[in-house]
């Protein structure tokens, strides 16, 4: 049996959430996962007793697949898949390191056979990587927030950087930066703000975490 799973940390300890719907094959579960990549972390294989025995990761970089390069590492805090290029300057785990941290076998699913194009169009802007790296140090700057919102309006795929940056904040940073985070939530382009607000219905998803930390919902 295969189910979609979510992954987050509590006090630095990884916690896994499980969606109740089951699938008879990894292929079917991955197909469902790819319709809501911001909601779930991966596909889990469960034995007949309901024990999680393997984590199967989508092979594409990022939440939305816009990068279209194969993932090779996992962000150490947000657990998002990244290719070598998008991971530059970030704290990451290899798939074997992730398996040791979770205590569960992990692997990447086979590469997607066809060239996959996101509905947003185009390849991921390098802005997404920069946004993720600068987020904690610049979120308090109104000029930086305006630039961020402008980039999101022009290049929606840069949203991945916002999700990584917001998700990587520590609880202390969220408390310290909460006024600035809420200000950014109000300043976001209407469509992105609405999407993140809806995502808070699933608070363990990357988009849900970002939405809540931006004061949305």
C-alpha atoms as a PDB file:
ATOM      1  CA  UNK A   1       0.000   0.000   0.000  1.00  0.00           C
ATOM      2  CA  UNK A   2       1.197   3.493  -0.837  1.00  0.00           C
ATOM      3  CA  UNK A   3       0.129   6.759   0.775  1.00  0.00           C
ATOM      4  CA  UNK A   4       1.140  10.402   0.471  1.00  0.00           C
ATOM      5  CA  UNK A   5       3.141  11.699   3.407  1.00  0.00           C
ATOM      6  CA  UNK A   6       4.077  15.060   4.883  1.00  0.00           C
ATOM      7  CA  UNK A   7       7.282  15.834   6.764  1.00  0.00           C
ATOM      8  CA  UNK A   8       8.074  18.604   9.232  1.00  0.00           C
ATOM      9  CA  UNK A   9      10.193  19.041  12.355  1.00  0.00           C
ATOM     10  CA  UNK A  10       9.250  19.602  15.982  1.00  0.00           C
ATOM     11  CA  UNK A  11      12.116  20.824  18.175  1.00  0.00           C
ATOM     12  CA  UNK A  12      14.493  19.568  15.498  1.00  0.00           C
ATOM     13  CA  UNK A  13      12.936  16.081  15.383  1.00  0.00           C
ATOM     14  CA  UNK A  14      11.427  14.967  12.037  1.00  0.00           C
ATOM     15  CA  UNK A  15       7.711  14.143  12.216  1.00  0.00           C
ATOM     16  CA  UNK A  16       5.788  12.348   9.467  1.00  0.00           C
ATOM     17  CA  UNK A  17       2.104  12.867   8.709  1.00  0.00           C
ATOM     18  CA  UNK A  18       0.182  10.350   6.608  1.00  0.00           C
ATOM     19  CA  UNK A  19      -2.728  11.005   4.255  1.00  0.00           C
ATOM     20  CA  UNK A  20      -5.490   8.419   4.754  1.00  0.00           C
ATOM     21  CA  UNK A  21      -6.047   7.685   1.060  1.00  0.00           C
ATOM     22  CA  UNK A  22      -4.256   4.576  -0.182  1.00  0.00           C
ATOM     23  CA  UNK A  23      -2.930   3.646  -3.636  1.00  0.00           C
ATOM     24  CA  UNK A  24      -2.144   0.246  -5.071  1.00  0.00           C
ATOM     25  CA  UNK A  25       1.085   1.342  -6.773  1.00  0.00           C
ATOM     26  CA  UNK A  26       3.862   3.883  -6.359  1.00  0.00           C
ATOM     27  CA  UNK A  27       3.111   5.149  -9.880  1.00  0.00           C
ATOM     28  CA  UNK A  28      -0.498   5.949  -8.941  1.00  0.00           C
ATOM     29  CA  UNK A  29       0.551   7.637  -5.707  1.00  0.00           C
ATOM     30  CA  UNK A  30       3.193   9.720  -7.482  1.00  0.00           C
ATOM     31  CA  UNK A  31       0.664  10.788 -10.105  1.00  0.00           C
ATOM     32  CA  UNK A  32      -1.578  12.047  -7.293  1.00  0.00           C
ATOM     33  CA  UNK A  33       1.374  13.684  -5.541  1.00  0.00           C
ATOM     34  CA  UNK A  34       2.254  15.645  -8.684  1.00  0.00           C
ATOM     35  CA  UNK A  35      -1.183  17.283  -8.690  1.00  0.00           C
ATOM     36  CA  UNK A  36      -0.460  18.840  -5.252  1.00  0.00           C
ATOM     37  CA  UNK A  37       3.329  18.962  -4.791  1.00  0.00           C
ATOM     38  CA  UNK A  38       3.199  21.851  -2.291  1.00  0.00           C
ATOM     39  CA  UNK A  39       0.912  19.840   0.003  1.00  0.00           C
ATOM     40  CA  UNK A  40       2.923  16.643   0.450  1.00  0.00           C
ATOM     41  CA  UNK A  41       6.545  15.622   0.906  1.00  0.00           C
ATOM     42  CA  UNK A  42       6.708  12.264  -0.833  1.00  0.00           C
ATOM     43  CA  UNK A  43       5.082   8.858  -1.310  1.00  0.00           C
ATOM     44  CA  UNK A  44       5.340   6.306   1.470  1.00  0.00           C
ATOM     45  CA  UNK A  45       5.326   2.523   1.076  1.00  0.00           C
ATOM     46  CA  UNK A  46       3.524   0.767   3.947  1.00  0.00           C
ATOM     47  CA  UNK A  47       3.564  -2.921   4.831  1.00  0.00           C
ATOM     48  CA  UNK A  48       0.497  -5.005   5.672  1.00  0.00           C
ATOM     49  CA  UNK A  49       0.676  -3.862   9.296  1.00  0.00           C
ATOM     50  CA  UNK A  50       0.610  -0.186   8.317  1.00  0.00           C
ATOM     51  CA  UNK A  51       4.298   0.468   9.077  1.00  0.00           C
ATOM     52  CA  UNK A  52       6.123   2.940   6.853  1.00  0.00           C
ATOM     53  CA  UNK A  53       8.961   1.011   5.234  1.00  0.00           C
ATOM     54  CA  UNK A  54      10.170   3.276   2.418  1.00  0.00           C
ATOM     55  CA  UNK A  55       9.985   6.921   1.322  1.00  0.00           C
ATOM     56  CA  UNK A  56       9.834   7.520  -2.439  1.00  0.00           C
ATOM     57  CA  UNK A  57      10.777  11.040  -3.554  1.00  0.00           C
ATOM     58  CA  UNK A  58       9.727  12.746  -6.765  1.00  0.00           C
ATOM     59  CA  UNK A  59      12.870  13.035  -8.955  1.00  0.00           C
ATOM     60  CA  UNK A  60      12.350  16.667 -10.027  1.00  0.00           C
ATOM     61  CA  UNK A  61      13.920  19.684  -8.384  1.00  0.00           C
ATOM     62  CA  UNK A  62      11.615  21.899  -6.339  1.00  0.00           C
ATOM     63  CA  UNK A  63       7.931  21.886  -5.490  1.00  0.00           C
ATOM     64  CA  UNK A  64       6.598  22.769  -8.899  1.00  0.00           C
ATOM     65  CA  UNK A  65       9.013  21.003 -11.240  1.00  0.00           C
ATOM     66  CA  UNK A  66       9.719  24.277 -13.047  1.00  0.00           C
ATOM     67  CA  UNK A  67      13.499  23.794 -12.765  1.00  0.00           C
ATOM     68  CA  UNK A  68      13.222  20.519 -14.731  1.00  0.00           C
ATOM     69  CA  UNK A  69      16.641  19.367 -13.553  1.00  0.00           C
ATOM     70  CA  UNK A  70      16.934  16.114 -11.568  1.00  0.00           C
ATOM     71  CA  UNK A  71      16.973  16.475  -7.800  1.00  0.00           C
ATOM     72  CA  UNK A  72      20.059  15.205  -6.019  1.00  0.00           C
ATOM     73  CA  UNK A  73      19.802  16.587  -2.466  1.00  0.00           C
ATOM     74  CA  UNK A  74      17.176  17.611   0.127  1.00  0.00           C
ATOM     75  CA  UNK A  75      17.018  20.940   1.973  1.00  0.00           C
ATOM     76  CA  UNK A  76      17.981  20.154   5.572  1.00  0.00           C
ATOM     77  CA  UNK A  77      15.161  22.199   7.168  1.00  0.00           C
ATOM     78  CA  UNK A  78      12.299  22.342   4.683  1.00  0.00           C
ATOM     79  CA  UNK A  79      12.991  18.899   3.142  1.00  0.00           C
ATOM     80  CA  UNK A  80      12.408  20.196  -0.379  1.00  0.00           C
ATOM     81  CA  UNK A  81      14.160  18.441  -3.240  1.00  0.00           C
ATOM     82  CA  UNK A  82      16.861  20.444  -5.006  1.00  0.00           C
ATOM     83  CA  UNK A  83      19.285  19.948  -7.858  1.00  0.00           C
ATOM     84  CA  UNK A  84      22.958  20.809  -7.405  1.00  0.00           C
ATOM     85  CA  UNK A  85      22.486  24.242  -8.971  1.00  0.00           C
ATOM     86  CA  UNK A  86      19.482  25.302  -6.876  1.00  0.00           C
ATOM     87  CA  UNK A  87      21.133  23.919  -3.726  1.00  0.00           C
ATOM     88  CA  UNK A  88      24.151  26.232  -3.982  1.00  0.00           C
ATOM     89  CA  UNK A  89      24.791  27.926  -0.653  1.00  0.00           C
ATOM     90  CA  UNK A  90      22.081  25.973   1.203  1.00  0.00           C
ATOM     91  CA  UNK A  91      22.218  23.451   4.034  1.00  0.00           C
ATOM     92  CA  UNK A  92      21.289  20.155   2.381  1.00  0.00           C
ATOM     93  CA  UNK A  93      21.147  16.401   2.931  1.00  0.00           C
ATOM     94  CA  UNK A  94      21.883  13.660   0.446  1.00  0.00           C
ATOM     95  CA  UNK A  95      19.200  10.995   0.060  1.00  0.00           C
ATOM     96  CA  UNK A  96      21.234   8.477   2.146  1.00  0.00           C
ATOM     97  CA  UNK A  97      21.694  11.140   4.847  1.00  0.00           C
ATOM     98  CA  UNK A  98      17.940  11.781   4.842  1.00  0.00           C
ATOM     99  CA  UNK A  99      17.337   8.043   5.239  1.00  0.00           C
ATOM    100  CA  UNK A 100      19.645   7.912   8.256  1.00  0.00           C
ATOM    101  CA  UNK A 101      17.940  10.953   9.797  1.00  0.00           C
ATOM    102  CA  UNK A 102      14.461   9.444   9.378  1.00  0.00           C
ATOM    103  CA  UNK A 103      15.494   5.881  10.120  1.00  0.00           C
ATOM    104  CA  UNK A 104      13.602   4.780   6.991  1.00  0.00           C
ATOM    105  CA  UNK A 105      14.838   3.754   3.556  1.00  0.00           C
ATOM    106  CA  UNK A 106      14.591   6.621   1.051  1.00  0.00           C
ATOM    107  CA  UNK A 107      15.022   6.728  -2.701  1.00  0.00           C
ATOM    108  CA  UNK A 108      14.240   8.903  -5.692  1.00  0.00           C
ATOM    109  CA  UNK A 109      11.546   7.651  -8.043  1.00  0.00           C
ATOM    110  CA  UNK A 110      12.622   6.865 -11.623  1.00  0.00           C
ATOM    111  CA  UNK A 111      13.049   9.994 -13.790  1.00  0.00           C
ATOM    112  CA  UNK A 112       9.939  11.291 -15.512  1.00  0.00           C
ATOM    113  CA  UNK A 113      10.018  10.034 -19.080  1.00  0.00           C
ATOM    114  CA  UNK A 114       8.797  13.127 -20.830  1.00  0.00           C
ATOM    115  CA  UNK A 115       9.898  16.737 -20.549  1.00  0.00           C
ATOM    116  CA  UNK A 116       7.489  18.189 -18.019  1.00  0.00           C
ATOM    117  CA  UNK A 117       6.334  21.810 -18.387  1.00  0.00           C
ATOM    118  CA  UNK A 118       4.738  23.629 -15.485  1.00  0.00           C
ATOM    119  CA  UNK A 119       1.503  25.489 -16.200  1.00  0.00           C
ATOM    120  CA  UNK A 120       3.260  28.648 -15.142  1.00  0.00           C
ATOM    121  CA  UNK A 121       5.620  28.203 -18.083  1.00  0.00           C
ATOM    122  CA  UNK A 122       9.355  28.590 -18.394  1.00  0.00           C
ATOM    123  CA  UNK A 123      12.245  27.471 -16.257  1.00  0.00           C
ATOM    124  CA  UNK A 124      12.726  28.486 -12.698  1.00  0.00           C
ATOM    125  CA  UNK A 125      14.229  31.910 -12.298  1.00  0.00           C
ATOM    126  CA  UNK A 126      17.535  32.085 -10.400  1.00  0.00           C
ATOM    127  CA  UNK A 127      15.651  34.582  -8.213  1.00  0.00           C
ATOM    128  CA  UNK A 128      14.109  31.646  -6.333  1.00  0.00           C
ATOM    129  CA  UNK A 129      17.499  30.506  -5.039  1.00  0.00           C
ATOM    130  CA  UNK A 130      18.480  34.060  -4.090  1.00  0.00           C
ATOM    131  CA  UNK A 131      15.167  34.691  -2.306  1.00  0.00           C
ATOM    132  CA  UNK A 132      15.620  31.564  -0.192  1.00  0.00           C
ATOM    133  CA  UNK A 133      19.162  32.562   0.822  1.00  0.00           C
ATOM    134  CA  UNK A 134      18.304  36.210   1.598  1.00  0.00           C
ATOM    135  CA  UNK A 135      14.912  35.700   3.208  1.00  0.00           C
ATOM    136  CA  UNK A 136      15.788  35.678   6.925  1.00  0.00           C
ATOM    137  CA  UNK A 137      18.227  38.594   6.691  1.00  0.00           C
ATOM    138  CA  UNK A 138      16.124  40.860   4.460  1.00  0.00           C
ATOM    139  CA  UNK A 139      12.458  40.209   5.268  1.00  0.00           C
ATOM    140  CA  UNK A 140      12.436  43.272   7.575  1.00  0.00           C
ATOM    141  CA  UNK A 141      13.441  45.576   4.690  1.00  0.00           C
ATOM    142  CA  UNK A 142      10.374  47.103   2.939  1.00  0.00           C
ATOM    143  CA  UNK A 143      12.388  47.755  -0.217  1.00  0.00           C
ATOM    144  CA  UNK A 144      13.477  44.113  -0.369  1.00  0.00           C
ATOM    145  CA  UNK A 145       9.871  42.976   0.140  1.00  0.00           C
ATOM    146  CA  UNK A 146       8.711  45.214  -2.708  1.00  0.00           C
ATOM    147  CA  UNK A 147      11.395  43.743  -4.959  1.00  0.00           C
ATOM    148  CA  UNK A 148      10.350  40.234  -3.911  1.00  0.00           C
ATOM    149  CA  UNK A 149       6.687  40.907  -4.683  1.00  0.00           C
ATOM    150  CA  UNK A 150       7.658  42.362  -8.040  1.00  0.00           C
ATOM    151  CA  UNK A 151       9.656  39.238  -8.895  1.00  0.00           C
ATOM    152  CA  UNK A 152       6.776  36.995  -7.813  1.00  0.00           C
ATOM    153  CA  UNK A 153       4.433  38.996 -10.031  1.00  0.00           C
ATOM    154  CA  UNK A 154       6.736  38.680 -13.037  1.00  0.00           C
ATOM    155  CA  UNK A 155       8.071  35.177 -12.364  1.00  0.00           C
ATOM    156  CA  UNK A 156       5.621  33.102 -10.304  1.00  0.00           C
ATOM    157  CA  UNK A 157       8.010  30.145 -10.214  1.00  0.00           C
ATOM    158  CA  UNK A 158      10.199  32.206  -7.845  1.00  0.00           C
ATOM    159  CA  UNK A 159       7.568  31.280  -5.239  1.00  0.00           C
ATOM    160  CA  UNK A 160       9.661  28.192  -4.496  1.00  0.00           C
ATOM    161  CA  UNK A 161      12.319  30.465  -2.971  1.00  0.00           C
ATOM    162  CA  UNK A 162       9.702  32.085  -0.728  1.00  0.00           C
ATOM    163  CA  UNK A 163       8.487  28.687   0.485  1.00  0.00           C
ATOM    164  CA  UNK A 164      12.028  27.527   1.235  1.00  0.00           C
ATOM    165  CA  UNK A 165      12.973  30.788   2.952  1.00  0.00           C
ATOM    166  CA  UNK A 166       9.868  30.931   5.147  1.00  0.00           C
ATOM    167  CA  UNK A 167      10.023  27.237   5.949  1.00  0.00           C
ATOM    168  CA  UNK A 168      13.678  27.376   6.983  1.00  0.00           C
ATOM    169  CA  UNK A 169      13.095  29.981   9.717  1.00  0.00           C
ATOM    170  CA  UNK A 170      13.493  28.783  13.287  1.00  0.00           C
ATOM    171  CA  UNK A 171      10.612  29.270  15.721  1.00  0.00           C
ATOM    172  CA  UNK A 172      12.573  32.074  17.385  1.00  0.00           C
ATOM    173  CA  UNK A 173      13.104  33.787  14.043  1.00  0.00           C
ATOM    174  CA  UNK A 174       9.387  33.524  13.277  1.00  0.00           C
ATOM    175  CA  UNK A 175       8.566  35.258  16.562  1.00  0.00           C
ATOM    176  CA  UNK A 176      11.184  37.959  16.049  1.00  0.00           C
ATOM    177  CA  UNK A 177      10.253  38.572  12.414  1.00  0.00           C
ATOM    178  CA  UNK A 178       6.496  38.060  12.671  1.00  0.00           C
ATOM    179  CA  UNK A 179       5.523  41.720  12.047  1.00  0.00           C
ATOM    180  CA  UNK A 180       7.650  41.751   8.886  1.00  0.00           C
ATOM    181  CA  UNK A 181       6.304  38.349   7.829  1.00  0.00           C
ATOM    182  CA  UNK A 182       2.712  39.578   8.203  1.00  0.00           C
ATOM    183  CA  UNK A 183       3.589  42.722   6.262  1.00  0.00           C
ATOM    184  CA  UNK A 184       4.896  40.570   3.423  1.00  0.00           C
ATOM    185  CA  UNK A 185       1.734  38.474   3.567  1.00  0.00           C
ATOM    186  CA  UNK A 186      -0.337  41.598   2.959  1.00  0.00           C
ATOM    187  CA  UNK A 187       1.952  42.805   0.184  1.00  0.00           C
ATOM    188  CA  UNK A 188       2.013  39.584  -1.875  1.00  0.00           C
ATOM    189  CA  UNK A 189       0.369  39.554  -5.318  1.00  0.00           C
ATOM    190  CA  UNK A 190      -3.323  38.723  -4.933  1.00  0.00           C
ATOM    191  CA  UNK A 191      -3.157  35.316  -6.586  1.00  0.00           C
ATOM    192  CA  UNK A 192      -0.201  34.101  -4.544  1.00  0.00           C
ATOM    193  CA  UNK A 193      -1.706  35.430  -1.313  1.00  0.00           C
ATOM    194  CA  UNK A 194      -4.952  33.576  -2.072  1.00  0.00           C
ATOM    195  CA  UNK A 195      -3.091  30.333  -2.870  1.00  0.00           C
ATOM    196  CA  UNK A 196      -1.067  30.480   0.349  1.00  0.00           C
ATOM    197  CA  UNK A 197      -4.186  31.309   2.367  1.00  0.00           C
ATOM    198  CA  UNK A 198      -5.923  28.205   1.033  1.00  0.00           C
ATOM    199  CA  UNK A 199      -2.804  26.127   1.699  1.00  0.00           C
ATOM    200  CA  UNK A 200      -3.057  26.831   5.445  1.00  0.00           C
ATOM    201  CA  UNK A 201      -5.830  24.224   5.528  1.00  0.00           C
ATOM    202  CA  UNK A 202      -2.923  21.750   5.376  1.00  0.00           C
ATOM    203  CA  UNK A 203      -0.572  23.285   7.945  1.00  0.00           C
ATOM    204  CA  UNK A 204       2.177  20.670   7.562  1.00  0.00           C
ATOM    205  CA  UNK A 205       2.643  21.281   3.835  1.00  0.00           C
ATOM    206  CA  UNK A 206       5.426  23.670   2.687  1.00  0.00           C
ATOM    207  CA  UNK A 207       2.871  26.129   1.330  1.00  0.00           C
ATOM    208  CA  UNK A 208       0.767  25.791   4.485  1.00  0.00           C
ATOM    209  CA  UNK A 209       3.769  26.491   6.720  1.00  0.00           C
ATOM    210  CA  UNK A 210       4.650  29.569   4.655  1.00  0.00           C
ATOM    211  CA  UNK A 211       1.054  30.817   4.690  1.00  0.00           C
ATOM    212  CA  UNK A 212       0.750  30.531   8.463  1.00  0.00           C
ATOM    213  CA  UNK A 213       4.111  32.186   9.042  1.00  0.00           C
ATOM    214  CA  UNK A 214       2.983  35.063   6.803  1.00  0.00           C
ATOM    215  CA  UNK A 215      -0.131  35.550   8.921  1.00  0.00           C
ATOM    216  CA  UNK A 216      -2.508  34.217   6.265  1.00  0.00           C
ATOM    217  CA  UNK A 217      -5.397  31.806   6.574  1.00  0.00           C
END
